[in-house]
């Protein structure tokens, strides 16, 4: 008698093969029309990234044009794709706009990667997230702590040894200084307080 897990697994495998054969039938590349003059050099002149066999059913080479933060990336979800969000941005499925990944997304990807490794790599960074899934202002990696902006980008000038920090350091001043350069912050990125 077969258990429910075996039946589900067989069903998933069957659906995969049916979908693969429907989407990319044998000899489909014989009838697919590709851009005839597309080369890596042509793609470079357009400011894109050349991907060999990156089109529909891997029949055609494609040139993916970069899209920045907030840009329309809906063409990255077409077949074949013609644009891509610049790293580390990703194309949000709902808004079809390039967005920065949240801390929660980056953390989950990092933890999934570590969990998939038989031997854990030393020094692999997992970000510290706030309750809303955003990057905490202070991040620590190995023996150094530093301040980051809301997208997790390191803010220069606020590195300090991990043993000189505590949970009260939030890097709020360093974050605010991004938009108000007149602020003066401590070496660890917090507001200067007067006693």
N, C-alpha and C. Protein backbone atom coordinates (compact mmCIF):
# COMPACT_ATOMS: atom_id res chain seq x y z
N UNK A 1 0.84 -1.19 0.00
CA UNK A 1 0.00 0.00 0.00
C UNK A 1 0.89 1.25 0.00
N UNK A 2 0.59 2.17 -0.87
CA UNK A 2 1.37 3.40 -0.99
C UNK A 2 0.86 4.44 -0.02
N UNK A 3 1.82 5.15 0.60
CA UNK A 3 1.46 6.23 1.52
C UNK A 3 1.10 7.49 0.76
N UNK A 4 0.49 8.47 1.41
CA UNK A 4 0.10 9.71 0.75
C UNK A 4 1.30 10.50 0.24
N UNK A 5 2.47 10.38 0.91
CA UNK A 5 3.66 11.09 0.45
C UNK A 5 4.14 10.61 -0.90
N UNK A 6 4.07 9.29 -1.12
CA UNK A 6 4.50 8.72 -2.40
C UNK A 6 3.56 9.17 -3.52
N UNK A 7 2.28 9.19 -3.24
CA UNK A 7 1.30 9.60 -4.25
C UNK A 7 1.51 11.07 -4.63
N UNK A 8 1.74 11.92 -3.64
CA UNK A 8 1.98 13.33 -3.91
C UNK A 8 3.25 13.50 -4.74
N UNK A 9 4.31 12.78 -4.37
CA UNK A 9 5.57 12.87 -5.10
C UNK A 9 5.40 12.43 -6.55
N UNK A 10 4.72 11.33 -6.78
CA UNK A 10 4.48 10.85 -8.14
C UNK A 10 3.65 11.87 -8.93
N UNK A 11 2.67 12.47 -8.27
CA UNK A 11 1.83 13.48 -8.94
C UNK A 11 2.65 14.69 -9.34
N UNK A 12 3.53 15.15 -8.45
CA UNK A 12 4.37 16.32 -8.75
C UNK A 12 5.29 16.02 -9.93
N UNK A 13 5.92 14.85 -9.93
CA UNK A 13 6.81 14.47 -11.03
C UNK A 13 6.03 14.40 -12.34
N UNK A 14 4.83 13.82 -12.31
CA UNK A 14 4.02 13.72 -13.53
C UNK A 14 3.63 15.11 -14.05
N UNK A 15 3.22 16.00 -13.15
CA UNK A 15 2.85 17.36 -13.55
C UNK A 15 4.06 18.08 -14.15
N UNK A 16 5.25 17.90 -13.54
CA UNK A 16 6.46 18.53 -14.05
C UNK A 16 6.72 18.10 -15.49
N UNK A 17 6.66 16.80 -15.75
CA UNK A 17 6.96 16.32 -17.11
C UNK A 17 5.88 16.74 -18.11
N UNK A 18 4.63 16.79 -17.68
CA UNK A 18 3.57 17.25 -18.58
C UNK A 18 3.78 18.72 -18.91
N UNK A 19 4.05 19.54 -17.87
CA UNK A 19 4.28 20.97 -18.10
C UNK A 19 5.49 21.22 -18.97
N UNK A 20 6.57 20.48 -18.74
CA UNK A 20 7.78 20.67 -19.52
C UNK A 20 7.53 20.34 -20.99
N UNK A 21 6.80 19.27 -21.24
CA UNK A 21 6.57 18.89 -22.62
C UNK A 21 5.59 19.83 -23.31
N UNK A 22 4.66 20.42 -22.55
CA UNK A 22 3.72 21.36 -23.15
C UNK A 22 4.41 22.70 -23.43
N UNK A 23 5.21 23.19 -22.47
CA UNK A 23 5.85 24.48 -22.63
C UNK A 23 6.94 24.42 -23.69
N UNK A 24 7.77 23.43 -23.66
CA UNK A 24 8.89 23.33 -24.59
C UNK A 24 8.85 22.00 -25.34
N UNK A 25 7.97 21.89 -26.32
CA UNK A 25 7.91 20.63 -27.06
C UNK A 25 9.18 20.42 -27.88
N UNK A 26 9.41 19.18 -28.21
CA UNK A 26 10.60 18.83 -28.99
C UNK A 26 10.59 19.60 -30.31
N UNK A 27 11.71 20.08 -30.75
CA UNK A 27 11.92 20.81 -32.00
C UNK A 27 11.28 22.20 -32.01
N UNK A 28 10.90 22.74 -30.86
CA UNK A 28 10.25 24.05 -30.82
C UNK A 28 11.18 25.14 -31.35
N UNK A 29 12.49 24.98 -31.15
CA UNK A 29 13.44 26.02 -31.58
C UNK A 29 13.48 26.18 -33.09
N UNK A 30 12.98 25.19 -33.82
CA UNK A 30 12.95 25.29 -35.29
C UNK A 30 11.93 26.32 -35.76
N UNK A 31 10.92 26.61 -34.91
CA UNK A 31 9.88 27.55 -35.32
C UNK A 31 9.92 28.87 -34.55
N UNK A 32 10.86 28.99 -33.58
CA UNK A 32 10.98 30.22 -32.79
C UNK A 32 11.85 31.21 -33.56
N UNK A 33 11.37 32.44 -33.63
CA UNK A 33 12.10 33.50 -34.32
C UNK A 33 12.97 34.26 -33.32
N UNK A 34 14.29 34.27 -33.57
CA UNK A 34 15.24 34.96 -32.69
C UNK A 34 15.75 36.22 -33.37
N UNK A 35 16.24 37.17 -32.55
CA UNK A 35 16.87 38.36 -33.10
C UNK A 35 18.17 37.91 -33.77
N UNK A 36 18.26 38.10 -35.07
CA UNK A 36 19.36 37.50 -35.84
C UNK A 36 20.71 38.14 -35.60
N UNK A 37 20.77 39.42 -35.32
CA UNK A 37 22.07 40.08 -35.21
C UNK A 37 22.51 40.30 -33.76
N UNK A 38 21.92 39.60 -32.80
CA UNK A 38 22.26 39.82 -31.41
C UNK A 38 23.57 39.12 -31.06
N UNK A 39 24.53 39.90 -30.63
CA UNK A 39 25.81 39.38 -30.17
C UNK A 39 26.12 40.05 -28.83
N UNK A 40 27.15 39.56 -28.19
CA UNK A 40 27.56 40.17 -26.92
C UNK A 40 27.94 41.63 -27.11
N UNK A 41 28.60 41.93 -28.24
CA UNK A 41 29.01 43.30 -28.53
C UNK A 41 27.79 44.21 -28.74
N UNK A 42 26.80 43.72 -29.48
CA UNK A 42 25.57 44.49 -29.72
C UNK A 42 24.87 44.77 -28.39
N UNK A 43 24.80 43.76 -27.55
CA UNK A 43 24.15 43.91 -26.24
C UNK A 43 24.91 44.92 -25.38
N UNK A 44 26.24 44.87 -25.43
CA UNK A 44 27.05 45.84 -24.68
C UNK A 44 26.75 47.27 -25.11
N UNK A 45 26.59 47.48 -26.42
CA UNK A 45 26.31 48.84 -26.90
C UNK A 45 24.93 49.33 -26.44
N UNK A 46 24.03 48.42 -26.17
CA UNK A 46 22.70 48.78 -25.65
C UNK A 46 22.73 49.00 -24.14
N UNK A 47 23.84 48.63 -23.50
CA UNK A 47 23.95 48.75 -22.05
C UNK A 47 23.34 47.59 -21.31
N UNK A 48 23.19 46.44 -21.99
CA UNK A 48 22.57 45.28 -21.37
C UNK A 48 23.54 44.17 -21.04
N UNK A 49 22.98 43.07 -20.54
CA UNK A 49 23.76 41.88 -20.21
C UNK A 49 23.36 40.77 -21.17
N UNK A 50 24.34 40.23 -21.89
CA UNK A 50 24.11 39.17 -22.88
C UNK A 50 23.95 37.83 -22.16
N UNK A 51 22.88 37.11 -22.50
CA UNK A 51 22.65 35.78 -21.92
C UNK A 51 22.50 34.80 -23.06
N UNK A 52 23.46 33.90 -23.17
CA UNK A 52 23.41 32.89 -24.23
C UNK A 52 22.31 31.88 -23.91
N UNK A 53 21.49 31.58 -24.89
CA UNK A 53 20.37 30.64 -24.75
C UNK A 53 19.46 31.00 -23.57
N UNK A 54 19.20 32.28 -23.41
CA UNK A 54 18.40 32.71 -22.27
C UNK A 54 16.94 32.97 -22.60
N UNK A 55 16.56 32.79 -23.84
CA UNK A 55 15.19 33.07 -24.25
C UNK A 55 14.26 31.89 -24.08
N UNK A 56 13.09 31.98 -24.71
CA UNK A 56 12.05 30.96 -24.63
C UNK A 56 12.61 29.58 -24.97
N UNK A 57 12.45 28.63 -24.08
CA UNK A 57 12.92 27.24 -24.24
C UNK A 57 14.42 27.18 -24.57
N UNK A 58 15.14 28.20 -24.20
CA UNK A 58 16.57 28.29 -24.44
C UNK A 58 16.92 28.25 -25.92
N UNK A 59 16.02 28.77 -26.75
CA UNK A 59 16.23 28.77 -28.19
C UNK A 59 17.06 29.96 -28.66
N UNK A 60 16.97 31.07 -27.98
CA UNK A 60 17.58 32.31 -28.47
C UNK A 60 18.46 32.94 -27.41
N UNK A 61 19.46 33.67 -27.87
CA UNK A 61 20.24 34.52 -26.98
C UNK A 61 19.41 35.78 -26.70
N UNK A 62 19.59 36.37 -25.53
CA UNK A 62 18.83 37.58 -25.18
C UNK A 62 19.76 38.64 -24.61
N UNK A 63 19.29 39.87 -24.66
CA UNK A 63 19.99 41.00 -24.08
C UNK A 63 19.08 41.59 -23.01
N UNK A 64 19.50 41.46 -21.74
CA UNK A 64 18.69 41.96 -20.63
C UNK A 64 19.16 43.36 -20.25
N UNK A 65 18.26 44.33 -20.39
CA UNK A 65 18.58 45.71 -20.06
C UNK A 65 18.35 45.96 -18.58
N UNK A 66 19.24 46.70 -17.91
CA UNK A 66 19.11 46.91 -16.46
C UNK A 66 18.01 47.91 -16.11
N UNK A 67 17.33 47.64 -15.01
CA UNK A 67 16.29 48.52 -14.49
C UNK A 67 16.64 48.83 -13.04
N UNK A 68 16.63 50.11 -12.68
CA UNK A 68 16.99 50.54 -11.33
C UNK A 68 15.81 50.54 -10.38
N UNK A 69 16.07 51.01 -9.17
CA UNK A 69 15.06 51.03 -8.11
C UNK A 69 13.81 51.80 -8.54
N UNK A 70 12.65 51.18 -8.37
CA UNK A 70 11.38 51.80 -8.70
C UNK A 70 11.00 51.68 -10.17
N UNK A 71 11.91 51.17 -10.99
CA UNK A 71 11.63 51.04 -12.41
C UNK A 71 10.70 49.89 -12.73
N UNK A 72 10.04 49.98 -13.87
CA UNK A 72 9.10 48.94 -14.32
C UNK A 72 9.88 47.72 -14.77
N UNK A 73 9.66 46.60 -14.10
CA UNK A 73 10.37 45.37 -14.43
C UNK A 73 9.42 44.29 -14.95
N UNK A 74 8.22 44.68 -15.40
CA UNK A 74 7.26 43.68 -15.87
C UNK A 74 7.82 42.87 -17.04
N UNK A 75 8.71 43.48 -17.85
CA UNK A 75 9.28 42.75 -18.98
C UNK A 75 10.28 41.69 -18.54
N UNK A 76 10.61 41.64 -17.24
CA UNK A 76 11.46 40.57 -16.74
C UNK A 76 10.64 39.31 -16.49
N UNK A 77 9.31 39.46 -16.53
CA UNK A 77 8.43 38.32 -16.29
C UNK A 77 7.81 37.80 -17.57
N UNK A 78 8.26 38.33 -18.70
CA UNK A 78 7.75 37.86 -19.99
C UNK A 78 8.67 36.77 -20.54
N UNK A 79 8.24 36.11 -21.56
CA UNK A 79 9.06 35.08 -22.21
C UNK A 79 9.27 35.49 -23.65
N UNK A 80 10.51 35.79 -24.05
CA UNK A 80 11.69 35.87 -23.18
C UNK A 80 11.73 37.19 -22.44
N UNK A 81 12.45 37.20 -21.32
CA UNK A 81 12.64 38.42 -20.56
C UNK A 81 13.52 39.38 -21.36
N UNK A 82 13.28 40.67 -21.22
CA UNK A 82 14.10 41.67 -21.92
C UNK A 82 14.76 42.66 -20.97
N UNK A 83 14.39 42.63 -19.69
CA UNK A 83 14.99 43.50 -18.68
C UNK A 83 15.26 42.69 -17.43
N UNK A 84 16.09 43.28 -16.55
CA UNK A 84 16.33 42.69 -15.23
C UNK A 84 16.63 43.80 -14.25
N UNK A 85 16.24 43.59 -13.00
CA UNK A 85 16.56 44.57 -11.97
C UNK A 85 18.05 44.47 -11.65
N UNK A 86 18.68 45.63 -11.45
CA UNK A 86 20.10 45.62 -11.11
C UNK A 86 20.27 45.05 -9.71
N UNK A 87 21.28 44.22 -9.53
CA UNK A 87 21.54 43.58 -8.24
C UNK A 87 21.89 44.65 -7.21
N UNK A 88 21.43 44.49 -5.99
CA UNK A 88 20.68 43.38 -5.43
C UNK A 88 19.17 43.57 -5.48
N UNK A 89 18.68 44.48 -6.32
CA UNK A 89 17.24 44.70 -6.43
C UNK A 89 16.56 43.45 -6.99
N UNK A 90 15.27 43.32 -6.73
CA UNK A 90 14.49 42.22 -7.29
C UNK A 90 13.17 42.78 -7.82
N UNK A 91 12.55 42.03 -8.70
CA UNK A 91 11.29 42.47 -9.28
C UNK A 91 10.13 41.98 -8.41
N UNK A 92 9.45 42.92 -7.77
CA UNK A 92 8.31 42.59 -6.92
C UNK A 92 7.16 42.10 -7.79
N UNK A 93 6.66 40.92 -7.48
CA UNK A 93 5.63 40.29 -8.30
C UNK A 93 4.36 41.12 -8.39
N UNK A 94 3.98 41.77 -7.31
CA UNK A 94 2.71 42.49 -7.28
C UNK A 94 2.77 43.87 -7.92
N UNK A 95 3.81 44.63 -7.59
CA UNK A 95 3.90 45.99 -8.13
C UNK A 95 4.59 46.05 -9.48
N UNK A 96 5.32 45.00 -9.83
CA UNK A 96 6.11 44.95 -11.08
C UNK A 96 7.15 46.08 -11.10
N UNK A 97 7.68 46.41 -9.93
CA UNK A 97 8.71 47.44 -9.79
C UNK A 97 9.93 46.83 -9.12
N UNK A 98 11.13 47.34 -9.46
CA UNK A 98 12.36 46.87 -8.84
C UNK A 98 12.45 47.43 -7.42
N UNK A 99 12.65 46.55 -6.47
CA UNK A 99 12.70 46.94 -5.06
C UNK A 99 13.93 46.34 -4.39
N UNK A 100 14.31 46.97 -3.29
CA UNK A 100 15.36 46.40 -2.46
C UNK A 100 14.76 45.24 -1.69
N UNK A 101 15.49 44.14 -1.56
CA UNK A 101 14.97 43.04 -0.74
C UNK A 101 14.94 43.45 0.73
N UNK A 102 13.93 43.00 1.44
CA UNK A 102 13.83 43.31 2.87
C UNK A 102 14.87 42.50 3.62
N UNK A 103 15.15 42.91 4.85
CA UNK A 103 16.07 42.17 5.69
C UNK A 103 15.55 40.75 5.90
N UNK A 104 14.24 40.62 6.10
CA UNK A 104 13.65 39.29 6.33
C UNK A 104 13.91 38.37 5.13
N UNK A 105 13.82 38.92 3.90
CA UNK A 105 14.07 38.12 2.70
C UNK A 105 15.53 37.70 2.64
N UNK A 106 16.44 38.64 2.86
CA UNK A 106 17.87 38.33 2.82
C UNK A 106 18.23 37.31 3.90
N UNK A 107 17.67 37.50 5.09
CA UNK A 107 17.95 36.58 6.21
C UNK A 107 17.47 35.18 5.91
N UNK A 108 16.26 35.06 5.36
CA UNK A 108 15.73 33.73 5.04
C UNK A 108 16.57 33.04 3.98
N UNK A 109 16.98 33.79 2.94
CA UNK A 109 17.82 33.20 1.89
C UNK A 109 19.16 32.73 2.47
N UNK A 110 19.74 33.53 3.36
CA UNK A 110 21.01 33.17 3.98
C UNK A 110 20.85 31.93 4.86
N UNK A 111 19.78 31.90 5.66
CA UNK A 111 19.56 30.74 6.52
C UNK A 111 19.26 29.48 5.71
N UNK A 112 18.48 29.62 4.63
CA UNK A 112 18.20 28.47 3.76
C UNK A 112 19.49 27.94 3.15
N UNK A 113 20.37 28.86 2.71
CA UNK A 113 21.64 28.44 2.13
C UNK A 113 22.47 27.69 3.16
N UNK A 114 22.60 28.26 4.37
CA UNK A 114 23.39 27.61 5.41
C UNK A 114 22.83 26.24 5.76
N UNK A 115 21.51 26.14 5.84
CA UNK A 115 20.88 24.87 6.17
C UNK A 115 21.07 23.82 5.08
N UNK A 116 21.35 24.25 3.85
CA UNK A 116 21.54 23.31 2.75
C UNK A 116 22.99 22.80 2.65
N UNK A 117 23.89 23.39 3.45
CA UNK A 117 25.30 23.03 3.39
C UNK A 117 25.64 21.97 4.43
N UNK A 118 26.31 20.90 3.98
CA UNK A 118 26.74 19.85 4.91
C UNK A 118 27.81 20.40 5.85
N UNK A 119 28.73 21.19 5.29
CA UNK A 119 29.76 21.83 6.10
C UNK A 119 29.47 23.33 6.09
N UNK A 120 29.22 23.88 7.24
CA UNK A 120 28.84 25.29 7.34
C UNK A 120 30.05 26.18 7.04
N UNK A 121 29.92 27.12 6.09
CA UNK A 121 31.04 28.03 5.82
C UNK A 121 31.24 29.00 6.97
N UNK A 122 32.51 29.26 7.29
CA UNK A 122 32.83 30.18 8.36
C UNK A 122 32.60 31.62 7.90
N UNK A 123 32.16 32.46 8.82
CA UNK A 123 32.03 33.88 8.53
C UNK A 123 30.88 34.26 7.62
N UNK A 124 29.89 33.40 7.44
CA UNK A 124 28.76 33.72 6.57
C UNK A 124 27.85 34.72 7.29
N UNK A 125 27.48 35.79 6.60
CA UNK A 125 26.72 36.87 7.22
C UNK A 125 25.22 36.63 7.16
N UNK A 126 24.57 36.76 8.30
CA UNK A 126 23.10 36.75 8.39
C UNK A 126 22.70 38.07 9.04
N UNK A 127 21.90 38.89 8.36
CA UNK A 127 21.56 40.22 8.89
C UNK A 127 20.65 40.15 10.11
N UNK A 128 20.67 41.23 10.87
CA UNK A 128 19.82 41.39 12.05
C UNK A 128 18.62 42.25 11.63
N UNK A 129 17.42 41.72 11.78
CA UNK A 129 16.21 42.40 11.30
C UNK A 129 15.37 42.93 12.46
N UNK A 130 14.60 43.98 12.18
CA UNK A 130 13.69 44.50 13.20
C UNK A 130 12.35 43.75 13.13
N UNK A 131 11.42 44.12 13.98
CA UNK A 131 10.14 43.42 14.07
C UNK A 131 9.32 43.52 12.78
N UNK A 132 9.59 44.55 11.96
CA UNK A 132 8.85 44.72 10.70
C UNK A 132 9.54 44.08 9.50
N UNK A 133 10.65 43.38 9.75
CA UNK A 133 11.37 42.74 8.64
C UNK A 133 12.37 43.63 7.96
N UNK A 134 12.61 44.84 8.50
CA UNK A 134 13.60 45.75 7.93
C UNK A 134 14.97 45.56 8.58
N UNK A 135 15.99 46.15 7.98
CA UNK A 135 17.34 46.06 8.53
C UNK A 135 17.46 46.91 9.78
N UNK A 136 17.99 46.33 10.85
CA UNK A 136 18.32 47.13 12.02
C UNK A 136 19.47 48.04 11.64
N UNK A 137 19.54 49.22 12.26
CA UNK A 137 20.58 50.19 11.94
C UNK A 137 21.98 49.67 12.21
N UNK A 138 22.13 48.90 13.26
CA UNK A 138 23.44 48.34 13.60
C UNK A 138 23.48 46.87 13.18
N UNK A 139 24.50 46.53 12.42
CA UNK A 139 24.73 45.15 12.02
C UNK A 139 26.12 44.75 12.53
N UNK A 140 26.28 43.49 12.88
CA UNK A 140 27.57 42.98 13.34
C UNK A 140 27.92 41.73 12.54
N UNK A 141 29.19 41.66 12.15
CA UNK A 141 29.68 40.51 11.40
C UNK A 141 31.08 40.19 11.89
N UNK A 142 31.26 38.96 12.33
CA UNK A 142 32.51 38.51 12.91
C UNK A 142 32.89 39.41 14.08
N UNK A 143 33.96 40.19 14.00
CA UNK A 143 34.38 40.99 15.17
C UNK A 143 34.10 42.48 15.00
N UNK A 144 33.33 42.85 13.97
CA UNK A 144 33.06 44.26 13.70
C UNK A 144 31.57 44.55 13.65
N UNK A 145 31.18 45.67 14.23
CA UNK A 145 29.81 46.19 14.09
C UNK A 145 29.88 47.48 13.28
N UNK A 146 28.80 47.82 12.61
CA UNK A 146 28.77 49.00 11.74
C UNK A 146 27.33 49.41 11.52
N UNK A 147 27.15 50.60 10.96
CA UNK A 147 25.82 51.12 10.68
C UNK A 147 25.45 50.87 9.23
N UNK A 148 24.15 50.64 8.97
CA UNK A 148 23.65 50.45 7.62
C UNK A 148 22.44 51.36 7.40
N UNK A 149 22.17 51.66 6.13
CA UNK A 149 20.96 52.43 5.81
C UNK A 149 19.75 51.50 5.80
N UNK A 150 18.59 52.02 5.45
CA UNK A 150 17.36 51.21 5.51
C UNK A 150 17.37 50.05 4.52
N UNK A 151 18.26 50.11 3.50
CA UNK A 151 18.36 49.02 2.53
C UNK A 151 19.47 48.03 2.86
N UNK A 152 20.14 48.22 4.00
CA UNK A 152 21.19 47.31 4.41
C UNK A 152 22.57 47.65 3.87
N UNK A 153 22.70 48.81 3.21
CA UNK A 153 24.00 49.24 2.70
C UNK A 153 24.83 49.85 3.82
N UNK A 154 26.09 49.44 3.92
CA UNK A 154 26.98 49.93 4.96
C UNK A 154 27.21 51.43 4.83
N UNK A 155 27.11 52.14 5.94
CA UNK A 155 27.39 53.58 5.99
C UNK A 155 28.84 53.76 6.44
N UNK A 156 29.66 54.41 5.64
CA UNK A 156 31.09 54.53 5.97
C UNK A 156 31.34 55.38 7.21
N UNK A 157 32.39 54.97 7.95
CA UNK A 157 32.84 55.78 9.09
C UNK A 157 32.30 55.36 10.44
N UNK A 158 31.51 54.30 10.52
CA UNK A 158 30.93 53.91 11.80
C UNK A 158 31.31 52.50 12.23
N UNK A 159 32.37 51.96 11.68
CA UNK A 159 32.83 50.63 12.10
C UNK A 159 33.40 50.70 13.52
N UNK A 160 33.13 49.68 14.30
CA UNK A 160 33.72 49.61 15.64
C UNK A 160 33.79 48.15 16.08
N UNK A 161 34.77 47.81 16.93
CA UNK A 161 34.91 46.42 17.38
C UNK A 161 33.66 45.96 18.13
N UNK A 162 33.31 44.71 17.94
CA UNK A 162 32.08 44.18 18.52
C UNK A 162 32.10 44.27 20.05
N UNK A 163 33.28 44.22 20.67
CA UNK A 163 33.35 44.26 22.13
C UNK A 163 33.15 45.67 22.69
N UNK A 164 33.05 46.68 21.79
CA UNK A 164 32.80 48.05 22.27
C UNK A 164 31.35 48.48 22.06
N UNK A 165 30.49 47.53 21.76
CA UNK A 165 29.10 47.86 21.47
C UNK A 165 28.17 47.16 22.45
N UNK A 166 26.93 47.59 22.47
CA UNK A 166 25.90 46.91 23.26
C UNK A 166 24.56 47.12 22.57
N UNK A 167 23.49 46.63 23.19
CA UNK A 167 22.16 46.68 22.57
C UNK A 167 21.57 48.08 22.52
N UNK A 168 22.18 49.06 23.20
CA UNK A 168 21.63 50.42 23.17
C UNK A 168 22.04 51.17 21.92
N UNK A 169 23.06 50.70 21.21
CA UNK A 169 23.52 51.37 19.99
C UNK A 169 22.58 51.00 18.85
N UNK A 170 22.02 52.04 18.21
CA UNK A 170 21.02 51.81 17.17
C UNK A 170 21.39 52.40 15.81
N UNK A 171 22.40 53.26 15.76
CA UNK A 171 22.83 53.92 14.52
C UNK A 171 21.77 54.88 13.96
N UNK A 172 20.86 55.34 14.80
CA UNK A 172 19.80 56.26 14.32
C UNK A 172 20.37 57.55 13.75
N UNK A 173 21.40 58.10 14.39
CA UNK A 173 21.99 59.34 13.91
C UNK A 173 22.67 59.13 12.55
N UNK A 174 23.40 58.04 12.42
CA UNK A 174 24.07 57.74 11.15
C UNK A 174 23.05 57.61 10.02
N UNK A 175 21.92 56.99 10.30
CA UNK A 175 20.86 56.85 9.28
C UNK A 175 20.26 58.22 8.93
N UNK A 176 20.02 59.04 9.95
CA UNK A 176 19.43 60.36 9.71
C UNK A 176 20.40 61.26 8.97
N UNK A 177 21.70 61.05 9.18
CA UNK A 177 22.72 61.89 8.55
C UNK A 177 22.75 61.68 7.03
N UNK A 178 22.21 60.58 6.54
CA UNK A 178 22.13 60.33 5.09
C UNK A 178 21.36 61.47 4.42
N UNK A 179 20.29 61.94 5.05
CA UNK A 179 19.49 63.03 4.46
C UNK A 179 19.75 64.39 5.11
N UNK A 180 20.48 64.42 6.22
CA UNK A 180 20.79 65.70 6.89
C UNK A 180 22.26 65.69 7.29
N UNK A 181 23.11 66.19 6.40
CA UNK A 181 24.56 66.12 6.62
C UNK A 181 25.04 67.03 7.74
N UNK A 182 24.17 67.87 8.29
CA UNK A 182 24.60 68.78 9.36
C UNK A 182 24.66 68.09 10.72
N UNK A 183 24.12 66.87 10.81
CA UNK A 183 24.10 66.17 12.10
C UNK A 183 25.51 65.73 12.49
N UNK A 184 25.75 65.71 13.80
CA UNK A 184 26.98 65.16 14.35
C UNK A 184 26.62 63.92 15.14
N UNK A 185 27.31 62.82 14.84
CA UNK A 185 27.00 61.54 15.48
C UNK A 185 28.22 61.03 16.24
N UNK A 186 27.98 60.10 17.14
CA UNK A 186 29.09 59.44 17.83
C UNK A 186 29.83 58.56 16.82
N UNK A 187 30.98 58.05 17.22
CA UNK A 187 31.77 57.17 16.36
C UNK A 187 31.03 55.88 16.04
N UNK A 188 30.02 55.56 16.88
CA UNK A 188 29.24 54.34 16.66
C UNK A 188 27.90 54.62 15.98
N UNK A 189 27.66 55.88 15.58
CA UNK A 189 26.48 56.21 14.79
C UNK A 189 25.26 56.64 15.56
N UNK A 190 25.37 56.84 16.85
CA UNK A 190 24.23 57.31 17.62
C UNK A 190 24.29 58.82 17.82
N UNK A 191 23.19 59.39 18.31
CA UNK A 191 23.16 60.82 18.59
C UNK A 191 24.07 61.14 19.77
N UNK A 192 24.72 62.28 19.68
CA UNK A 192 25.57 62.73 20.78
C UNK A 192 24.66 63.26 21.89
N UNK A 193 24.84 62.72 23.09
CA UNK A 193 24.01 63.17 24.21
C UNK A 193 24.87 64.00 25.16
N UNK A 194 24.25 64.95 25.77
CA UNK A 194 24.96 65.78 26.75
C UNK A 194 24.56 65.34 28.14
N UNK A 195 25.54 65.26 29.02
CA UNK A 195 25.26 64.79 30.39
C UNK A 195 24.81 65.92 31.27
